[in-house]
C-alpha atoms as a PDB file:
ATOM      1  CA  MET A   1      27.660   8.244   0.046  1.00  0.00           C
ATOM      2  CA  THR A   2      28.888   4.884   1.331  1.00  0.00           C
ATOM      3  CA  THR A   3      31.858   3.458  -0.518  1.00  0.00           C
ATOM      4  CA  GLY A   4      31.917   0.048   1.168  1.00  0.00           C
ATOM      5  CA  HIS A   5      35.551   0.104   2.317  1.00  0.00           C
ATOM      6  CA  THR A   6      36.350  -2.674   4.764  1.00  0.00           C
ATOM      7  CA  GLU A   7      39.717  -1.300   5.908  1.00  0.00           C
ATOM      8  CA  PRO A   8      38.900   0.987   8.899  1.00  0.00           C
ATOM      9  CA  ALA A   9      41.364   3.744   7.882  1.00  0.00           C
ATOM     10  CA  CYS A  10      39.910   3.868   4.358  1.00  0.00           C
ATOM     11  CA  ALA A  11      36.356   3.719   5.635  1.00  0.00           C
ATOM     12  CA  THR A  12      37.027   6.640   7.975  1.00  0.00           C
ATOM     13  CA  ALA A  13      38.748   8.678   5.252  1.00  0.00           C
ATOM     14  CA  HIS A  14      35.749   8.168   2.965  1.00  0.00           C
ATOM     15  CA  GLY A  15      33.244   9.076   5.688  1.00  0.00           C
ATOM     16  CA  ASP A  16      31.870   5.555   6.169  1.00  0.00           C
ATOM     17  CA  LEU A  17      33.068   5.421   9.801  1.00  0.00           C
ATOM     18  CA  PRO A  18      33.271   8.295  12.269  1.00  0.00           C
ATOM     19  CA  PRO A  19      36.815   9.254  13.263  1.00  0.00           C
ATOM     20  CA  HIS A  20      38.046   8.002  16.618  1.00  0.00           C
ATOM     21  CA  ARG A  21      38.016  11.023  18.916  1.00  0.00           C
ATOM     22  CA  GLY A  22      39.745   9.571  21.993  1.00  0.00           C
ATOM     23  CA  THR A  23      40.881  11.817  24.806  1.00  0.00           C
ATOM     24  CA  ARG A  24      43.769  13.683  23.192  1.00  0.00           C
ATOM     25  CA  THR A  25      44.388  17.168  24.548  1.00  0.00           C
ATOM     26  CA  LEU A  26      46.319  19.934  22.824  1.00  0.00           C
ATOM     27  CA  VAL A  27      47.609  22.627  25.164  1.00  0.00           C
ATOM     28  CA  ALA A  28      48.905  25.827  23.558  1.00  0.00           C
ATOM     29  CA  VAL A  29      50.884  27.944  26.004  1.00  0.00           C
ATOM     30  CA  PHE A  30      50.716  31.714  25.401  1.00  0.00           C
ATOM     31  CA  ALA A  31      48.202  33.480  23.184  1.00  0.00           C
ATOM     32  CA  SER A  32      49.760  34.036  19.766  1.00  0.00           C
ATOM     33  CA  PRO A  33      48.863  33.713  16.086  1.00  0.00           C
ATOM     34  CA  VAL A  34      50.439  30.229  16.069  1.00  0.00           C
ATOM     35  CA  ALA A  35      48.374  29.243  19.119  1.00  0.00           C
ATOM     36  CA  ASP A  36      45.202  30.450  17.370  1.00  0.00           C
ATOM     37  CA  HIS A  37      45.864  28.166  14.400  1.00  0.00           C
ATOM     38  CA  LEU A  38      47.054  25.252  16.540  1.00  0.00           C
ATOM     39  CA  LEU A  39      43.890  25.300  18.620  1.00  0.00           C
ATOM     40  CA  ARG A  40      41.548  25.711  15.652  1.00  0.00           C
ATOM     41  CA  PHE A  41      43.214  22.968  13.589  1.00  0.00           C
ATOM     42  CA  GLY A  42      43.681  20.810  16.692  1.00  0.00           C
ATOM     43  CA  HIS A  43      39.965  20.967  17.428  1.00  0.00           C
ATOM     44  CA  ASP A  44      39.242  19.937  13.835  1.00  0.00           C
ATOM     45  CA  LEU A  45      41.596  16.964  14.346  1.00  0.00           C
ATOM     46  CA  GLY A  46      39.682  15.813  17.416  1.00  0.00           C
ATOM     47  CA  TYR A  47      41.818  17.254  20.193  1.00  0.00           C
ATOM     48  CA  ARG A  48      40.317  18.775  23.321  1.00  0.00           C
ATOM     49  CA  THR A  49      41.890  22.264  23.216  1.00  0.00           C
ATOM     50  CA  VAL A  50      43.313  24.373  26.028  1.00  0.00           C
ATOM     51  CA  LEU A  51      44.935  27.804  25.868  1.00  0.00           C
ATOM     52  CA  VAL A  52      47.227  28.605  28.792  1.00  0.00           C
ATOM     53  CA  GLU A  53      47.724  32.349  29.119  1.00  0.00           C
ATOM     54  CA  PRO A  54      48.789  33.871  32.449  1.00  0.00           C
ATOM     55  CA  ASP A  55      48.014  37.396  31.212  1.00  0.00           C
ATOM     56  CA  LEU A  56      44.305  37.422  30.334  1.00  0.00           C
ATOM     57  CA  SER A  57      44.617  40.913  28.851  1.00  0.00           C
ATOM     58  CA  ARG A  58      46.275  39.162  25.858  1.00  0.00           C
ATOM     59  CA  VAL A  59      43.147  37.071  25.193  1.00  0.00           C
ATOM     60  CA  ASP A  60      39.940  38.226  23.540  1.00  0.00           C
ATOM     61  CA  THR A  61      37.435  36.697  25.955  1.00  0.00           C
ATOM     62  CA  SER A  62      34.429  38.406  24.348  1.00  0.00           C
ATOM     63  CA  SER A  63      33.645  35.447  22.075  1.00  0.00           C
ATOM     64  CA  PRO A  64      35.978  32.483  22.606  1.00  0.00           C
ATOM     65  CA  PRO A  65      35.266  29.362  20.558  1.00  0.00           C
ATOM     66  CA  GLY A  66      33.012  26.929  22.421  1.00  0.00           C
ATOM     67  CA  HIS A  67      35.637  24.168  22.206  1.00  0.00           C
ATOM     68  CA  LEU A  68      38.370  26.186  23.925  1.00  0.00           C
ATOM     69  CA  HIS A  69      39.228  25.855  27.596  1.00  0.00           C
ATOM     70  CA  LEU A  70      41.204  28.791  29.053  1.00  0.00           C
ATOM     71  CA  ALA A  71      43.661  28.413  31.950  1.00  0.00           C
ATOM     72  CA  SER A  72      46.309  30.593  33.581  1.00  0.00           C
ATOM     73  CA  SER A  73      48.853  27.781  34.108  1.00  0.00           C
ATOM     74  CA  VAL A  74      49.556  24.236  32.983  1.00  0.00           C
ATOM     75  CA  ASP A  75      47.612  21.957  35.282  1.00  0.00           C
ATOM     76  CA  PRO A  76      47.433  18.166  35.731  1.00  0.00           C
ATOM     77  CA  SER A  77      43.636  18.331  35.381  1.00  0.00           C
ATOM     78  CA  PHE A  78      44.116  18.702  31.618  1.00  0.00           C
ATOM     79  CA  ALA A  79      47.846  18.037  31.057  1.00  0.00           C
ATOM     80  CA  ASP A  80      47.629  14.293  31.574  1.00  0.00           C
ATOM     81  CA  GLY A  81      49.392  11.391  29.872  1.00  0.00           C
ATOM     82  CA  ASP A  82      47.402  12.008  26.682  1.00  0.00           C
ATOM     83  CA  ALA A  83      48.197  15.734  26.403  1.00  0.00           C
ATOM     84  CA  ASP A  84      50.600  17.478  24.051  1.00  0.00           C
ATOM     85  CA  VAL A  85      51.862  20.837  25.340  1.00  0.00           C
ATOM     86  CA  VAL A  86      53.171  23.362  22.800  1.00  0.00           C
ATOM     87  CA  VAL A  87      54.766  26.629  23.974  1.00  0.00           C
ATOM     88  CA  THR A  88      54.206  29.186  21.208  1.00  0.00           C
ATOM     89  CA  ASP A  89      56.413  32.032  22.462  1.00  0.00           C
ATOM     90  CA  HIS A  90      59.943  31.497  23.786  1.00  0.00           C
ATOM     91  CA  ASP A  91      60.480  35.162  24.708  1.00  0.00           C
ATOM     92  CA  ARG A  92      57.861  35.562  27.440  1.00  0.00           C
ATOM     93  CA  PRO A  93      59.151  36.099  31.001  1.00  0.00           C
ATOM     94  CA  GLU A  94      56.779  33.354  32.258  1.00  0.00           C
ATOM     95  CA  LEU A  95      58.505  30.743  30.052  1.00  0.00           C
ATOM     96  CA  GLY A  96      60.425  29.020  32.847  1.00  0.00           C
ATOM     97  CA  ALA A  97      57.506  28.924  35.276  1.00  0.00           C
ATOM     98  CA  LEU A  98      55.035  27.513  32.748  1.00  0.00           C
ATOM     99  CA  LEU A  99      57.471  24.949  31.361  1.00  0.00           C
ATOM    100  CA  ASP A 100      58.322  23.902  34.920  1.00  0.00           C
ATOM    101  CA  ALA A 101      54.580  23.501  35.596  1.00  0.00           C
ATOM    102  CA  ALA A 102      54.208  21.412  32.420  1.00  0.00           C
ATOM    103  CA  LEU A 103      57.149  19.218  33.447  1.00  0.00           C
ATOM    104  CA  GLN A 104      55.406  18.563  36.774  1.00  0.00           C
ATOM    105  CA  THR A 105      52.507  16.939  34.892  1.00  0.00           C
ATOM    106  CA  ARG A 106      52.248  13.620  33.075  1.00  0.00           C
ATOM    107  CA  ALA A 107      51.986  15.380  29.681  1.00  0.00           C
ATOM    108  CA  ARG A 108      52.820  12.980  26.862  1.00  0.00           C
ATOM    109  CA  TRP A 109      54.814  15.541  24.891  1.00  0.00           C
ATOM    110  CA  ILE A 110      56.166  19.040  25.654  1.00  0.00           C
ATOM    111  CA  GLY A 111      57.730  21.339  23.073  1.00  0.00           C
ATOM    112  CA  VAL A 112      58.845  24.950  22.622  1.00  0.00           C
ATOM    113  CA  MET A 113      58.606  26.847  19.348  1.00  0.00           C
ATOM    114  CA  GLY A 114      61.915  28.260  18.150  1.00  0.00           C
ATOM    115  CA  SER A 115      64.519  28.037  15.461  1.00  0.00           C
ATOM    116  CA  PRO A 116      67.160  25.318  15.846  1.00  0.00           C
ATOM    117  CA  ARG A 117      69.691  27.936  14.670  1.00  0.00           C
ATOM    118  CA  HIS A 118      69.296  29.996  17.858  1.00  0.00           C
ATOM    119  CA  THR A 119      70.069  29.318  21.494  1.00  0.00           C
ATOM    120  CA  ALA A 120      67.166  27.679  23.266  1.00  0.00           C
ATOM    121  CA  PRO A 121      66.101  30.158  25.992  1.00  0.00           C
ATOM    122  CA  HIS A 122      63.984  27.546  27.752  1.00  0.00           C
ATOM    123  CA  VAL A 123      67.084  25.635  28.863  1.00  0.00           C
ATOM    124  CA  ALA A 124      68.481  28.592  30.849  1.00  0.00           C
ATOM    125  CA  ALA A 125      65.006  29.480  32.165  1.00  0.00           C
ATOM    126  CA  LEU A 126      64.532  25.952  33.510  1.00  0.00           C
ATOM    127  CA  ARG A 127      68.060  25.654  34.913  1.00  0.00           C
ATOM    128  CA  GLU A 128      67.564  28.958  36.788  1.00  0.00           C
ATOM    129  CA  ARG A 129      64.582  27.278  38.471  1.00  0.00           C
ATOM    130  CA  GLY A 130      66.723  24.260  39.428  1.00  0.00           C
ATOM    131  CA  VAL A 131      65.028  21.852  37.020  1.00  0.00           C
ATOM    132  CA  PRO A 132      67.223  18.762  36.567  1.00  0.00           C
ATOM    133  CA  ASP A 133      68.791  18.066  33.160  1.00  0.00           C
ATOM    134  CA  ASP A 134      66.744  14.891  32.585  1.00  0.00           C
ATOM    135  CA  ALA A 135      63.534  16.931  32.960  1.00  0.00           C
ATOM    136  CA  VAL A 136      64.881  19.682  30.666  1.00  0.00           C
ATOM    137  CA  ALA A 137      65.595  16.974  28.088  1.00  0.00           C
ATOM    138  CA  ARG A 138      61.852  16.157  27.939  1.00  0.00           C
ATOM    139  CA  VAL A 139      61.283  19.484  26.171  1.00  0.00           C
ATOM    140  CA  HIS A 140      61.356  19.180  22.375  1.00  0.00           C
ATOM    141  CA  ARG A 141      62.706  21.924  20.143  1.00  0.00           C
ATOM    142  CA  PRO A 142      62.082  22.480  17.273  1.00  0.00           C
ATOM    143  CA  ILE A 143      58.425  21.528  17.428  1.00  0.00           C
ATOM    144  CA  GLY A 144      57.329  20.884  13.841  1.00  0.00           C
ATOM    145  CA  LEU A 145      58.173  18.785  10.842  1.00  0.00           C
ATOM    146  CA  ASN A 146      60.847  20.324   8.653  1.00  0.00           C
ATOM    147  CA  ILE A 147      58.617  21.565   5.814  1.00  0.00           C
ATOM    148  CA  GLY A 148      60.006  25.089   5.604  1.00  0.00           C
ATOM    149  CA  SER A 149      57.048  26.631   7.426  1.00  0.00           C
ATOM    150  CA  ARG A 150      57.142  30.392   7.991  1.00  0.00           C
ATOM    151  CA  THR A 151      53.591  31.648   8.608  1.00  0.00           C
ATOM    152  CA  PRO A 152      51.622  30.945  11.806  1.00  0.00           C
ATOM    153  CA  ALA A 153      49.258  28.603   9.933  1.00  0.00           C
ATOM    154  CA  GLU A 154      52.173  26.709   8.339  1.00  0.00           C
ATOM    155  CA  ILE A 155      53.925  26.387  11.708  1.00  0.00           C
ATOM    156  CA  ALA A 156      50.696  25.031  13.219  1.00  0.00           C
ATOM    157  CA  VAL A 157      50.290  22.487  10.404  1.00  0.00           C
ATOM    158  CA  ALA A 158      53.942  21.369  10.720  1.00  0.00           C
ATOM    159  CA  THR A 159      53.571  21.073  14.506  1.00  0.00           C
ATOM    160  CA  LEU A 160      50.334  19.094  14.375  1.00  0.00           C
ATOM    161  CA  ALA A 161      51.698  16.814  11.639  1.00  0.00           C
ATOM    162  CA  GLY A 162      54.731  16.122  13.808  1.00  0.00           C
ATOM    163  CA  LEU A 163      52.578  15.400  16.846  1.00  0.00           C
ATOM    164  CA  ILE A 164      50.410  13.016  14.842  1.00  0.00           C
ATOM    165  CA  ALA A 165      53.494  11.225  13.464  1.00  0.00           C
ATOM    166  CA  ASP A 166      55.012  10.958  16.946  1.00  0.00           C
ATOM    167  CA  ARG A 167      51.747   9.786  18.502  1.00  0.00           C
ATOM    168  CA  ASN A 168      51.358   7.128  15.783  1.00  0.00           C
ATOM    169  CA  HIS A 169      55.032   6.039  15.993  1.00  0.00           C
ATOM    170  CA  ARG A 170      55.650   7.052  12.398  1.00  0.00           C
ATOM    171  CA  PRO A 171      58.892   8.379  10.919  1.00  0.00           C
ATOM    172  CA  GLY A 172      57.468  11.823  10.052  1.00  0.00           C
ATOM    173  CA  GLY A 173      59.597  12.972  12.938  1.00  0.00           C
ATOM    174  CA  PHE A 174      61.103  16.254  13.979  1.00  0.00           C
ATOM    175  CA  ALA A 175      64.611  15.870  12.526  1.00  0.00           C
ATOM    176  CA  PHE A 176      66.190  18.842  10.776  1.00  0.00           C
END
């Protein structure tokens, strides 16, 4: 049904215009329940989706979604200036190496899941690798809007909403 909206945002919301897909990429680092939701919702939002998992035994490769690209490290071939990289597990031993790899790319945004009430383990992991403080400062934490999210799906929604607000220069923000 065509509603005749002339404002592009309204026309898109009412299905009169197709959504702009662009070249946005969402990279979820480490297979986890949050990563599953991020990648599914991200695909629905028009992102190209990539799961970075160095340990393929943690991934069910029997029937991956057709939209999902799988990689063992963060790579500039997909982590370009239009990519958002979200680390979904701050306790993995590969944290420092994969964040360092992400920082070597032109990724638009890099963040690590974790409570603002706890010490950020990524800082020590990156400093141990000799990553300079200005590069460490590129890593956002916390990663989602402050909506009180607890479940993996809620964390994914809060994260994606924050990324959309940041990408669109809106005040949704990440402040807690």
